[in-house]
Amino acid sequence: MGGDAVDLELDKAHSARMYDYYLGGVTNFPADREAAGRALAAFPSALAAARINRRFMHRSTRFLAERGHDQFLDIGTGIPTSPNLHEIAQAVNRRSRVVYTDNDPIVLAHARALLHSHPEGRTAYVQADVTDPGTLLGHPVLDQTLDLDRPVVLSLNALLHFVTDDQDAHGIVERLMERLVPGSALTISHATPDFDPAAMARVTDTYVAVGTPLQARSRTEIARFFTGFEIQEPGLVPTHEWRPDPDEPFGSVTAAEAACYAAVAVKP
C-alpha cells in the first residue's frame, strides 16, 4: 500500500477505531477504548446501535446488488470487519467493483483486508476525506476501478453525523451525487436525537470532548439528504426496521437503542 511512513496518531481517539471497538474488533487502542468507554457510559446502547447499523449495511448492499448494481463507493469505510461490503456484493455478483475510502490512516494500514476481491471483480482503497469531494472523485484509483458513466452506489453509512452543518454536509452529498449518473443509488444511516434526546446530547458531548465533532440530526434533516431521489420502501426508518431479515434478533430492539435512521434511494 505504499512505503511512506504514516502517523497513525494512536494517542488520539478516532471515530473509526471507536466503532471497531463497538463491533468487537481488535484494531483499537487505549485512547479509542477510553473514549468509547465514556460514550458507553453516556449511551449504553452504543454497542447495539453499531451492530444494528452494520447489519443495515449488509442488507442494503445485498438489496442493491440483487437489483443489478455492481459498482459501490463506500465512504467512511472504517476498520475492516468481515463480511465487508465487497463480500456482500460479490456474493450476489462476482463482478462487483468496490472502492473504499476513509480518512483514518490506520485504515490504510489494514486496507489489504479490503482488497481480497473475487477474481472476476475488483476492490480498491483511497485515502480521502468526504469533506473534499472533488479530490475524492478525481482520485486516479477511483477512476481506474469504477466507471462513473454507469450507475454507482454511494454508501454513507454511519458517516454523515461526523460532518457538521459548518462543513456543509448536505452540500457535500449533493456534489457527490451530482457526479453520479441516473440510476445510481444513495444509502445512508445517520444518528438521530429523535428517540432519546438526552442520551444523544450526552454522547455528542463525549465525542466533541475528544476532538471528534458529532451532529445527530432529526428525521427531517436526514430526509434532506435524499431530496430529488426516489426513496425505496420502506422509506426513512430506524435502522433495524429497514427490510429486516427474519432470522435477525431484532424482535426486542427499540428505536432508542438503534439511535439511527436509514434509507436507500435511487437517482432518477
Foldseek 3Di string as FASTA:
>chain_A
DDDDDDDQPLVFADPLQLLCVLQVHDPHHPNSVVLNVQLCVLPVLPSVLSVLLVVLLLVVLLVVLVVPAQAEEEEQQGADDPPGSQVSNCVSPLAHEYEYEYQRVVSVVRCVVVAPGRPNYGYYYDHDDLLCLVCVVPDVVCVVHDDQVDAYEYEQEAHLQQQDVVSVSLVSLVVNVVSHDFFHKYKYKFAACVPPVSSVVSSQVSCVVSPGHGHGYHPVVVVSSQPQWAWDPPGWAQSCPGPHDPPDPCPPPDSSSNRIIITMTGHD
